[in-house]
PDB file of N, CA and C in Angstrom:
ATOM      1  N   MET A   1      52.508  -5.749-103.540  1.00  0.00           N
ATOM      2  CA  MET A   1      53.388  -5.964-102.415  1.00  0.00           C
ATOM      3  C   MET A   1      52.875  -5.222-101.173  1.00  0.00           C
ATOM      4  N   THR A   2      52.361  -4.012-101.373  1.00  0.00           N
ATOM      5  CA  THR A   2      51.832  -3.238-100.258  1.00  0.00           C
ATOM      6  C   THR A   2      50.646  -3.957 -99.626  1.00  0.00           C
ATOM      7  N   ASN A   3      49.779  -4.529-100.467  1.00  0.00           N
ATOM      8  CA  ASN A   3      48.629  -5.261 -99.963  1.00  0.00           C
ATOM      9  C   ASN A   3      49.082  -6.461 -99.134  1.00  0.00           C
ATOM     10  N   PHE A   4      50.123  -7.145 -99.592  1.00  0.00           N
ATOM     11  CA  PHE A   4      50.657  -8.287 -98.852  1.00  0.00           C
ATOM     12  C   PHE A   4      51.184  -7.851 -97.484  1.00  0.00           C
ATOM     13  N   LYS A   5      51.895  -6.725 -97.444  1.00  0.00           N
ATOM     14  CA  LYS A   5      52.434  -6.223 -96.175  1.00  0.00           C
ATOM     15  C   LYS A   5      51.303  -5.864 -95.213  1.00  0.00           C
ATOM     16  N   SER A   6      50.277  -5.219 -95.742  1.00  0.00           N
ATOM     17  CA  SER A   6      49.142  -4.843 -94.895  1.00  0.00           C
ATOM     18  C   SER A   6      48.455  -6.081 -94.339  1.00  0.00           C
ATOM     19  N   THR A   7      48.302  -7.094 -95.167  1.00  0.00           N
ATOM     20  CA  THR A   7      47.673  -8.334 -94.726  1.00  0.00           C
ATOM     21  C   THR A   7      48.523  -9.019 -93.670  1.00  0.00           C
ATOM     22  N   ALA A   8      49.824  -9.041 -93.882  1.00  0.00           N
ATOM     23  CA  ALA A   8      50.732  -9.670 -92.919  1.00  0.00           C
ATOM     24  C   ALA A   8      50.715  -8.933 -91.584  1.00  0.00           C
ATOM     25  N   ILE A   9      50.718  -7.610 -91.646  1.00  0.00           N
ATOM     26  CA  ILE A   9      50.670  -6.819 -90.412  1.00  0.00           C
ATOM     27  C   ILE A   9      49.353  -7.067 -89.679  1.00  0.00           C
ATOM     28  N   ALA A  10      48.256  -7.102 -90.412  1.00  0.00           N
ATOM     29  CA  ALA A  10      46.949  -7.357 -89.789  1.00  0.00           C
ATOM     30  C   ALA A  10      46.917  -8.735 -89.150  1.00  0.00           C
ATOM     31  N   ALA A  11      47.498  -9.734 -89.815  1.00  0.00           N
ATOM     32  CA  ALA A  11      47.520 -11.086 -89.261  1.00  0.00           C
ATOM     33  C   ALA A  11      48.334 -11.143 -87.975  1.00  0.00           C
ATOM     34  N   VAL A  12      49.461 -10.443 -87.956  1.00  0.00           N
ATOM     35  CA  VAL A  12      50.294 -10.415 -86.750  1.00  0.00           C
ATOM     36  C   VAL A  12      49.552  -9.723 -85.614  1.00  0.00           C
ATOM     37  N   LEU A  13      48.884  -8.621 -85.914  1.00  0.00           N
ATOM     38  CA  LEU A  13      48.129  -7.910 -84.881  1.00  0.00           C
ATOM     39  C   LEU A  13      47.003  -8.766 -84.329  1.00  0.00           C
ATOM     40  N   LEU A  14      46.271  -9.439 -85.212  1.00  0.00           N
ATOM     41  CA  LEU A  14      45.181 -10.283 -84.750  1.00  0.00           C
ATOM     42  C   LEU A  14      45.698 -11.443 -83.907  1.00  0.00           C
ATOM     43  N   THR A  15      46.819 -12.014 -84.311  1.00  0.00           N
ATOM     44  CA  THR A  15      47.391 -13.107 -83.546  1.00  0.00           C
ATOM     45  C   THR A  15      47.854 -12.619 -82.182  1.00  0.00           C
ATOM     46  N   SER A  16      48.467 -11.452 -82.137  1.00  0.00           N
ATOM     47  CA  SER A  16      48.971 -10.945 -80.866  1.00  0.00           C
ATOM     48  C   SER A  16      47.842 -10.507 -79.941  1.00  0.00           C
ATOM     49  N   LEU A  17      46.727 -10.097 -80.508  1.00  0.00           N
ATOM     50  CA  LEU A  17      45.597  -9.679 -79.673  1.00  0.00           C
ATOM     51  C   LEU A  17      44.844 -10.869 -79.100  1.00  0.00           C
ATOM     52  N   GLY A  18      44.916 -11.989 -79.761  1.00  0.00           N
ATOM     53  CA  GLY A  18      44.336 -13.233 -79.257  1.00  0.00           C
ATOM     54  C   GLY A  18      42.892 -13.117 -78.866  1.00  0.00           C
ATOM     55  N   ALA A  19      42.627 -13.081 -77.585  1.00  0.00           N
ATOM     56  CA  ALA A  19      41.262 -13.066 -77.066  1.00  0.00           C
ATOM     57  C   ALA A  19      40.501 -11.835 -77.519  1.00  0.00           C
ATOM     58  N   SER A  20      41.180 -10.715 -77.615  1.00  0.00           N
ATOM     59  CA  SER A  20      40.498  -9.498 -78.035  1.00  0.00           C
ATOM     60  C   SER A  20      39.945  -9.644 -79.444  1.00  0.00           C
ATOM     61  N   ALA A  21      40.712 -10.286 -80.319  1.00  0.00           N
ATOM     62  CA  ALA A  21      40.241 -10.505 -81.685  1.00  0.00           C
ATOM     63  C   ALA A  21      39.058 -11.465 -81.686  1.00  0.00           C
ATOM     64  N   ALA A  22      39.125 -12.485 -80.860  1.00  0.00           N
ATOM     65  CA  ALA A  22      38.023 -13.436 -80.766  1.00  0.00           C
ATOM     66  C   ALA A  22      36.775 -12.766 -80.225  1.00  0.00           C
ATOM     67  N   VAL A  23      36.951 -11.914 -79.248  1.00  0.00           N
ATOM     68  CA  VAL A  23      35.821 -11.189 -78.677  1.00  0.00           C
ATOM     69  C   VAL A  23      35.201 -10.270 -79.719  1.00  0.00           C
ATOM     70  N   ALA A  24      36.044  -9.566 -80.453  1.00  0.00           N
ATOM     71  CA  ALA A  24      35.541  -8.633 -81.456  1.00  0.00           C
ATOM     72  C   ALA A  24      34.771  -9.365 -82.547  1.00  0.00           C
ATOM     73  N   SER A  25      35.218 -10.563 -82.914  1.00  0.00           N
ATOM     74  CA  SER A  25      34.542 -11.288 -83.983  1.00  0.00           C
ATOM     75  C   SER A  25      33.189 -11.816 -83.534  1.00  0.00           C
ATOM     76  N   GLY A  26      32.992 -12.026 -82.232  1.00  0.00           N
ATOM     77  CA  GLY A  26      31.738 -12.555 -81.744  1.00  0.00           C
ATOM     78  C   GLY A  26      30.763 -11.488 -81.305  1.00  0.00           C
ATOM     79  N   ALA A  27      31.107 -10.225 -81.511  1.00  0.00           N
ATOM     80  CA  ALA A  27      30.293  -9.127 -81.001  1.00  0.00           C
ATOM     81  C   ALA A  27      28.908  -9.090 -81.620  1.00  0.00           C
ATOM     82  N   THR A  28      28.720  -9.656 -82.790  1.00  0.00           N
ATOM     83  CA  THR A  28      27.421  -9.590 -83.445  1.00  0.00           C
ATOM     84  C   THR A  28      26.511 -10.735 -83.037  1.00  0.00           C
ATOM     85  N   THR A  29      26.922 -11.606 -82.128  1.00  0.00           N
ATOM     86  CA  THR A  29      26.121 -12.764 -81.784  1.00  0.00           C
ATOM     87  C   THR A  29      25.254 -12.570 -80.543  1.00  0.00           C
ATOM     88  N   LEU A  30      25.246 -11.383 -79.972  1.00  0.00           N
ATOM     89  CA  LEU A  30      24.389 -11.136 -78.818  1.00  0.00           C
ATOM     90  C   LEU A  30      22.932 -11.075 -79.250  1.00  0.00           C
ATOM     91  N   ILE A  31      22.060 -11.619 -78.429  1.00  0.00           N
ATOM     92  CA  ILE A  31      20.641 -11.713 -78.751  1.00  0.00           C
ATOM     93  C   ILE A  31      19.881 -10.637 -77.987  1.00  0.00           C
ATOM     94  N   PRO A  32      19.283  -9.669 -78.681  1.00  0.00           N
ATOM     95  CA  PRO A  32      18.501  -8.656 -77.958  1.00  0.00           C
ATOM     96  C   PRO A  32      17.196  -9.256 -77.440  1.00  0.00           C
ATOM     97  N   THR A  33      16.765  -8.790 -76.299  1.00  0.00           N
ATOM     98  CA  THR A  33      15.501  -9.250 -75.728  1.00  0.00           C
ATOM     99  C   THR A  33      14.422  -8.218 -76.027  1.00  0.00           C
ATOM    100  N   ASN A  34      13.208  -8.540 -75.663  1.00  0.00           N
ATOM    101  CA  ASN A  34      12.088  -7.611 -75.870  1.00  0.00           C
ATOM    102  C   ASN A  34      12.026  -6.616 -74.723  1.00  0.00           C
ATOM    103  N   GLY A  35      12.993  -5.731 -74.674  1.00  0.00           N
ATOM    104  CA  GLY A  35      13.055  -4.740 -73.609  1.00  0.00           C
ATOM    105  C   GLY A  35      14.021  -5.182 -72.518  1.00  0.00           C
ATOM    106  N   ILE A  36      14.143  -4.322 -71.504  1.00  0.00           N
ATOM    107  CA  ILE A  36      15.098  -4.613 -70.438  1.00  0.00           C
ATOM    108  C   ILE A  36      14.444  -5.282 -69.238  1.00  0.00           C
ATOM    109  N   TYR A  37      13.165  -5.569 -69.333  1.00  0.00           N
ATOM    110  CA  TYR A  37      12.470  -6.284 -68.260  1.00  0.00           C
ATOM    111  C   TYR A  37      11.801  -7.536 -68.815  1.00  0.00           C
ATOM    112  N   ASP A  38      12.431  -8.160 -69.799  1.00  0.00           N
ATOM    113  CA  ASP A  38      11.867  -9.333 -70.458  1.00  0.00           C
ATOM    114  C   ASP A  38      12.183 -10.577 -69.622  1.00  0.00           C
ATOM    115  N   LEU A  39      11.246 -10.966 -68.776  1.00  0.00           N
ATOM    116  CA  LEU A  39      11.440 -12.130 -67.927  1.00  0.00           C
ATOM    117  C   LEU A  39      10.661 -13.338 -68.434  1.00  0.00           C
ATOM    118  N   SER A  40      10.265 -13.281 -69.720  1.00  0.00           N
ATOM    119  CA  SER A  40       9.624 -14.440 -70.333  1.00  0.00           C
ATOM    120  C   SER A  40      10.664 -15.553 -70.477  1.00  0.00           C
ATOM    121  N   ALA A  41      10.207 -16.750 -70.761  1.00  0.00           N
ATOM    122  CA  ALA A  41      11.134 -17.882 -70.919  1.00  0.00           C
ATOM    123  C   ALA A  41      12.144 -17.604 -72.030  1.00  0.00           C
ATOM    124  N   ALA A  42      11.673 -17.030 -73.130  1.00  0.00           N
ATOM    125  CA  ALA A  42      12.577 -16.716 -74.241  1.00  0.00           C
ATOM    126  C   ALA A  42      13.572 -15.618 -73.860  1.00  0.00           C
ATOM    127  N   GLY A  43      13.106 -14.614 -73.125  1.00  0.00           N
ATOM    128  CA  GLY A  43      13.980 -13.527 -72.694  1.00  0.00           C
ATOM    129  C   GLY A  43      15.052 -13.992 -71.726  1.00  0.00           C
ATOM    130  N   VAL A  44      14.667 -14.831 -70.780  1.00  0.00           N
ATOM    131  CA  VAL A  44      15.628 -15.358 -69.807  1.00  0.00           C
ATOM    132  C   VAL A  44      16.643 -16.256 -70.513  1.00  0.00           C
ATOM    133  N   SER A  45      16.158 -17.090 -71.427  1.00  0.00           N
ATOM    134  CA  SER A  45      17.048 -17.971 -72.183  1.00  0.00           C
ATOM    135  C   SER A  45      18.048 -17.157 -73.008  1.00  0.00           C
ATOM    136  N   ALA A  46      17.556 -16.114 -73.664  1.00  0.00           N
ATOM    137  CA  ALA A  46      18.442 -15.244 -74.465  1.00  0.00           C
ATOM    138  C   ALA A  46      19.481 -14.568 -73.579  1.00  0.00           C
ATOM    139  N   THR A  47      19.065 -14.163 -72.379  1.00  0.00           N
ATOM    140  CA  THR A  47      19.992 -13.504 -71.458  1.00  0.00           C
ATOM    141  C   THR A  47      21.099 -14.464 -71.028  1.00  0.00           C
ATOM    142  N   TYR A  48      20.739 -15.693 -70.695  1.00  0.00           N
ATOM    143  CA  TYR A  48      21.759 -16.683 -70.334  1.00  0.00           C
ATOM    144  C   TYR A  48      22.676 -17.001 -71.516  1.00  0.00           C
ATOM    145  N   ASP A  49      22.109 -17.040 -72.734  1.00  0.00           N
ATOM    146  CA  ASP A  49      22.937 -17.240 -73.926  1.00  0.00           C
ATOM    147  C   ASP A  49      23.915 -16.082 -74.092  1.00  0.00           C
ATOM    148  N   ASN A  50      23.448 -14.855 -73.845  1.00  0.00           N
ATOM    149  CA  ASN A  50      24.320 -13.684 -73.948  1.00  0.00           C
ATOM    150  C   ASN A  50      25.435 -13.726 -72.913  1.00  0.00           C
ATOM    151  N   ILE A  51      25.117 -14.177 -71.708  1.00  0.00           N
ATOM    152  CA  ILE A  51      26.139 -14.303 -70.662  1.00  0.00           C
ATOM    153  C   ILE A  51      27.230 -15.258 -71.136  1.00  0.00           C
ATOM    154  N   ALA A  52      26.818 -16.388 -71.713  1.00  0.00           N
ATOM    155  CA  ALA A  52      27.788 -17.361 -72.213  1.00  0.00           C
ATOM    156  C   ALA A  52      28.581 -16.800 -73.391  1.00  0.00           C
ATOM    157  N   THR A  53      27.911 -16.095 -74.295  1.00  0.00           N
ATOM    158  CA  THR A  53      28.579 -15.505 -75.454  1.00  0.00           C
ATOM    159  C   THR A  53      29.620 -14.484 -75.024  1.00  0.00           C
ATOM    160  N   LEU A  54      29.320 -13.733 -73.989  1.00  0.00           N
ATOM    161  CA  LEU A  54      30.267 -12.742 -73.479  1.00  0.00           C
ATOM    162  C   LEU A  54      31.432 -13.392 -72.733  1.00  0.00           C
ATOM    163  N   GLY A  55      31.337 -14.683 -72.471  1.00  0.00           N
ATOM    164  CA  GLY A  55      32.420 -15.390 -71.804  1.00  0.00           C
ATOM    165  C   GLY A  55      32.418 -15.231 -70.297  1.00  0.00           C
ATOM    166  N   VAL A  56      31.289 -14.830 -69.732  1.00  0.00           N
ATOM    167  CA  VAL A  56      31.191 -14.631 -68.286  1.00  0.00           C
ATOM    168  C   VAL A  56      30.825 -15.959 -67.639  1.00  0.00           C
ATOM    169  N   LYS A  57      31.613 -16.348 -66.679  1.00  0.00           N
ATOM    170  CA  LYS A  57      31.359 -17.573 -65.918  1.00  0.00           C
ATOM    171  C   LYS A  57      30.723 -17.203 -64.592  1.00  0.00           C
ATOM    172  N   THR A  58      29.664 -17.911 -64.233  1.00  0.00           N
ATOM    173  CA  THR A  58      29.015 -17.636 -62.952  1.00  0.00           C
ATOM    174  C   THR A  58      29.647 -18.501 -61.870  1.00  0.00           C
ATOM    175  N   ARG A  59      29.643 -17.971 -60.668  1.00  0.00           N
ATOM    176  CA  ARG A  59      30.168 -18.739 -59.541  1.00  0.00           C
ATOM    177  C   ARG A  59      29.227 -19.894 -59.240  1.00  0.00           C
ATOM    178  N   LYS A  60      29.790 -21.038 -58.910  1.00  0.00           N
ATOM    179  CA  LYS A  60      28.990 -22.218 -58.623  1.00  0.00           C
ATOM    180  C   LYS A  60      28.031 -21.925 -57.467  1.00  0.00           C
ATOM    181  N   GLY A  61      26.778 -22.283 -57.671  1.00  0.00           N
ATOM    182  CA  GLY A  61      25.781 -22.097 -56.633  1.00  0.00           C
ATOM    183  C   GLY A  61      25.093 -20.749 -56.668  1.00  0.00           C
ATOM    184  N   ASP A  62      25.630 -19.789 -57.427  1.00  0.00           N
ATOM    185  CA  ASP A  62      24.999 -18.472 -57.508  1.00  0.00           C
ATOM    186  C   ASP A  62      23.740 -18.533 -58.372  1.00  0.00           C
ATOM    187  N   VAL A  63      22.749 -17.794 -57.959  1.00  0.00           N
ATOM    188  CA  VAL A  63      21.511 -17.673 -58.714  1.00  0.00           C
ATOM    189  C   VAL A  63      21.407 -16.233 -59.187  1.00  0.00           C
ATOM    190  N   ILE A  64      21.121 -16.054 -60.463  1.00  0.00           N
ATOM    191  CA  ILE A  64      20.971 -14.709 -61.010  1.00  0.00           C
ATOM    192  C   ILE A  64      19.537 -14.256 -60.746  1.00  0.00           C
ATOM    193  N   THR A  65      19.393 -13.131 -60.073  1.00  0.00           N
ATOM    194  CA  THR A  65      18.071 -12.625 -59.701  1.00  0.00           C
ATOM    195  C   THR A  65      17.398 -11.941 -60.891  1.00  0.00           C
ATOM    196  N   ASN A  66      16.121 -11.670 -60.757  1.00  0.00           N
ATOM    197  CA  ASN A  66      15.384 -10.961 -61.813  1.00  0.00           C
ATOM    198  C   ASN A  66      15.968  -9.578 -62.057  1.00  0.00           C
ATOM    199  N   GLU A  67      16.384  -8.901 -60.988  1.00  0.00           N
ATOM    200  CA  GLU A  67      16.971  -7.566 -61.134  1.00  0.00           C
ATOM    201  C   GLU A  67      18.292  -7.641 -61.915  1.00  0.00           C
ATOM    202  N   GLU A  68      19.076  -8.682 -61.634  1.00  0.00           N
ATOM    203  CA  GLU A  68      20.335  -8.856 -62.360  1.00  0.00           C
ATOM    204  C   GLU A  68      20.078  -9.206 -63.819  1.00  0.00           C
ATOM    205  N   LEU A  69      19.059 -10.039 -64.081  1.00  0.00           N
ATOM    206  CA  LEU A  69      18.703 -10.356 -65.472  1.00  0.00           C
ATOM    207  C   LEU A  69      18.338  -9.087 -66.225  1.00  0.00           C
ATOM    208  N   SER A  70      17.557  -8.225 -65.597  1.00  0.00           N
ATOM    209  CA  SER A  70      17.165  -6.962 -66.224  1.00  0.00           C
ATOM    210  C   SER A  70      18.372  -6.067 -66.473  1.00  0.00           C
ATOM    211  N   ALA A  71      19.290  -6.019 -65.515  1.00  0.00           N
ATOM    212  CA  ALA A  71      20.499  -5.209 -65.686  1.00  0.00           C
ATOM    213  C   ALA A  71      21.344  -5.744 -66.840  1.00  0.00           C
ATOM    214  N   ILE A  72      21.451  -7.063 -66.946  1.00  0.00           N
ATOM    215  CA  ILE A  72      22.215  -7.669 -68.036  1.00  0.00           C
ATOM    216  C   ILE A  72      21.547  -7.365 -69.372  1.00  0.00           C
ATOM    217  N   GLN A  73      20.230  -7.453 -69.422  1.00  0.00           N
ATOM    218  CA  GLN A  73      19.512  -7.132 -70.653  1.00  0.00           C
ATOM    219  C   GLN A  73      19.745  -5.683 -71.057  1.00  0.00           C
ATOM    220  N   GLN A  74      19.787  -4.799 -70.083  1.00  0.00           N
ATOM    221  CA  GLN A  74      20.038  -3.388 -70.361  1.00  0.00           C
ATOM    222  C   GLN A  74      21.450  -3.203 -70.915  1.00  0.00           C
ATOM    223  N   ILE A  75      22.426  -3.887 -70.341  1.00  0.00           N
ATOM    224  CA  ILE A  75      23.805  -3.782 -70.812  1.00  0.00           C
ATOM    225  C   ILE A  75      23.925  -4.283 -72.244  1.00  0.00           C
ATOM    226  N   VAL A  76      23.289  -5.409 -72.539  1.00  0.00           N
ATOM    227  CA  VAL A  76      23.363  -5.985 -73.893  1.00  0.00           C
ATOM    228  C   VAL A  76      22.737  -5.037 -74.909  1.00  0.00           C
ATOM    229  N   ARG A  77      21.653  -4.380 -74.552  1.00  0.00           N
ATOM    230  CA  ARG A  77      20.965  -3.485 -75.490  1.00  0.00           C
ATOM    231  C   ARG A  77      21.649  -2.123 -75.623  1.00  0.00           C
ATOM    232  N   ALA A  78      22.461  -1.754 -74.649  1.00  0.00           N
ATOM    233  CA  ALA A  78      23.115  -0.447 -74.666  1.00  0.00           C
ATOM    234  C   ALA A  78      24.238  -0.411 -75.688  1.00  0.00           C
ATOM    235  N   GLN A  79      24.596   0.814 -76.080  1.00  0.00           N
ATOM    236  CA  GLN A  79      25.733   0.983 -76.967  1.00  0.00           C
ATOM    237  C   GLN A  79      27.009   0.689 -76.192  1.00  0.00           C
ATOM    238  N   GLY A  80      28.006   0.258 -76.889  1.00  0.00           N
ATOM    239  CA  GLY A  80      29.285  -0.038 -76.257  1.00  0.00           C
ATOM    240  C   GLY A  80      29.940  -1.209 -76.939  1.00  0.00           C
ATOM    241  N   ASN A  81      31.219  -1.368 -76.677  1.00  0.00           N
ATOM    242  CA  ASN A  81      31.911  -2.464 -77.327  1.00  0.00           C
ATOM    243  C   ASN A  81      31.726  -3.760 -76.539  1.00  0.00           C
ATOM    244  N   PHE A  82      32.092  -4.845 -77.183  1.00  0.00           N
ATOM    245  CA  PHE A  82      31.880  -6.180 -76.650  1.00  0.00           C
ATOM    246  C   PHE A  82      32.637  -6.381 -75.335  1.00  0.00           C
ATOM    247  N   GLU A  83      33.875  -5.939 -75.271  1.00  0.00           N
ATOM    248  CA  GLU A  83      34.682  -6.110 -74.067  1.00  0.00           C
ATOM    249  C   GLU A  83      34.099  -5.349 -72.885  1.00  0.00           C
ATOM    250  N   SER A  84      33.612  -4.144 -73.138  1.00  0.00           N
ATOM    251  CA  SER A  84      33.004  -3.350 -72.082  1.00  0.00           C
ATOM    252  C   SER A  84      31.748  -4.040 -71.550  1.00  0.00           C
ATOM    253  N   LYS A  85      30.937  -4.566 -72.467  1.00  0.00           N
ATOM    254  CA  LYS A  85      29.732  -5.275 -72.048  1.00  0.00           C
ATOM    255  C   LYS A  85      30.087  -6.510 -71.231  1.00  0.00           C
ATOM    256  N   ALA A  86      31.109  -7.239 -71.654  1.00  0.00           N
ATOM    257  CA  ALA A  86      31.530  -8.433 -70.923  1.00  0.00           C
ATOM    258  C   ALA A  86      31.992  -8.078 -69.515  1.00  0.00           C
ATOM    259  N   ARG A  87      32.744  -6.989 -69.384  1.00  0.00           N
ATOM    260  CA  ARG A  87      33.234  -6.563 -68.076  1.00  0.00           C
ATOM    261  C   ARG A  87      32.068  -6.160 -67.167  1.00  0.00           C
ATOM    262  N   ARG A  88      31.120  -5.405 -67.721  1.00  0.00           N
ATOM    263  CA  ARG A  88      29.986  -4.959 -66.915  1.00  0.00           C
ATOM    264  C   ARG A  88      29.077  -6.115 -66.513  1.00  0.00           C
ATOM    265  N   VAL A  89      28.851  -7.055 -67.441  1.00  0.00           N
ATOM    266  CA  VAL A  89      28.028  -8.222 -67.111  1.00  0.00           C
ATOM    267  C   VAL A  89      28.719  -9.066 -66.048  1.00  0.00           C
ATOM    268  N   ASP A  90      30.049  -9.193 -66.146  1.00  0.00           N
ATOM    269  CA  ASP A  90      30.793  -9.938 -65.126  1.00  0.00           C
ATOM    270  C   ASP A  90      30.622  -9.287 -63.753  1.00  0.00           C
ATOM    271  N   LEU A  91      30.621  -7.968 -63.696  1.00  0.00           N
ATOM    272  CA  LEU A  91      30.412  -7.280 -62.420  1.00  0.00           C
ATOM    273  C   LEU A  91      29.015  -7.545 -61.869  1.00  0.00           C
ATOM    274  N   VAL A  92      28.030  -7.601 -62.757  1.00  0.00           N
ATOM    275  CA  VAL A  92      26.660  -7.879 -62.304  1.00  0.00           C
ATOM    276  C   VAL A  92      26.571  -9.311 -61.785  1.00  0.00           C
ATOM    277  N   VAL A  93      27.140 -10.238 -62.521  1.00  0.00           N
ATOM    278  CA  VAL A  93      27.007 -11.646 -62.184  1.00  0.00           C
ATOM    279  C   VAL A  93      27.887 -12.040 -60.999  1.00  0.00           C
ATOM    280  N   ASN A  94      29.115 -11.555 -60.975  1.00  0.00           N
ATOM    281  CA  ASN A  94      30.080 -12.030 -59.989  1.00  0.00           C
ATOM    282  C   ASN A  94      30.588 -10.972 -59.016  1.00  0.00           C
ATOM    283  N   GLY A  95      30.244  -9.719 -59.237  1.00  0.00           N
ATOM    284  CA  GLY A  95      30.781  -8.657 -58.397  1.00  0.00           C
ATOM    285  C   GLY A  95      29.848  -8.239 -57.298  1.00  0.00           C
ATOM    286  N   GLU A  96      30.360  -7.415 -56.447  1.00  0.00           N
ATOM    287  CA  GLU A  96      29.558  -6.798 -55.396  1.00  0.00           C
ATOM    288  C   GLU A  96      29.134  -5.436 -55.913  1.00  0.00           C
ATOM    289  N   SER A  97      27.933  -5.342 -56.454  1.00  0.00           N
ATOM    290  CA  SER A  97      27.497  -4.115 -57.121  1.00  0.00           C
ATOM    291  C   SER A  97      27.395  -2.925 -56.176  1.00  0.00           C
ATOM    292  N   ASN A  98      27.280  -3.157 -54.885  1.00  0.00           N
ATOM    293  CA  ASN A  98      27.178  -2.042 -53.943  1.00  0.00           C
ATOM    294  C   ASN A  98      28.421  -1.161 -53.980  1.00  0.00           C
ATOM    295  N   GLU A  99      29.547  -1.727 -54.320  1.00  0.00           N
ATOM    296  CA  GLU A  99      30.791  -0.978 -54.351  1.00  0.00           C
ATOM    297  C   GLU A  99      30.993  -0.212 -55.648  1.00  0.00           C
ATOM    298  N   PHE A 100      30.181  -0.491 -56.661  1.00  0.00           N
ATOM    299  CA  PHE A 100      30.418   0.090 -57.979  1.00  0.00           C
ATOM    300  C   PHE A 100      29.422   1.177 -58.354  1.00  0.00           C
ATOM    301  N   GLY A 101      28.455   1.457 -57.520  1.00  0.00           N
ATOM    302  CA  GLY A 101      27.535   2.548 -57.788  1.00  0.00           C
ATOM    303  C   GLY A 101      26.379   2.159 -58.693  1.00  0.00           C
ATOM    304  N   ASN A 102      25.750   3.161 -59.268  1.00  0.00           N
ATOM    305  CA  ASN A 102      24.575   2.947 -60.109  1.00  0.00           C
ATOM    306  C   ASN A 102      24.954   2.237 -61.397  1.00  0.00           C
ATOM    307  N   GLY A 103      23.957   1.618 -61.998  1.00  0.00           N
ATOM    308  CA  GLY A 103      24.143   0.987 -63.291  1.00  0.00           C
ATOM    309  C   GLY A 103      24.194  -0.523 -63.223  1.00  0.00           C
ATOM    310  N   PHE A 104      24.201  -1.069 -62.020  1.00  0.00           N
ATOM    311  CA  PHE A 104      24.257  -2.519 -61.897  1.00  0.00           C
ATOM    312  C   PHE A 104      22.900  -3.107 -61.535  1.00  0.00           C
ATOM    313  N   ASN A 105      21.926  -2.273 -61.459  1.00  0.00           N
ATOM    314  CA  ASN A 105      20.567  -2.734 -61.211  1.00  0.00           C
ATOM    315  C   ASN A 105      19.653  -1.867 -62.057  1.00  0.00           C
ATOM    316  N   ALA A 106      18.854  -2.482 -62.878  1.00  0.00           N
ATOM    317  CA  ALA A 106      18.023  -1.729 -63.811  1.00  0.00           C
ATOM    318  C   ALA A 106      16.849  -1.048 -63.120  1.00  0.00           C
ATOM    319  N   ARG A 107      16.538  -1.399 -61.893  1.00  0.00           N
ATOM    320  CA  ARG A 107      15.377  -0.820 -61.212  1.00  0.00           C
ATOM    321  C   ARG A 107      15.771   0.278 -60.282  1.00  0.00           C
TER     322      ARG A 107
END
């Protein structure tokens, strides 16, 4: 009976967390690149896949620069939870990094 209660409580928590639970379950699907300056075709492709996996949407017409790609690669390789990485990548892709200080440009 205790096991059933624990399972029921866990199910309710996961349901109530919604997106957070989905984000946590996908945390292992990020693709590491060959370093933080991997601008090869495979590295760039992996970086764009990671952006999509993190759920970050780019603004229409925006182009991600090489410096931003490197910063995103650094974020993906760094320690931290999935939500934190998604927030930081969103700032790189869609934010004004000048207002947020260091850490948004790998160079």
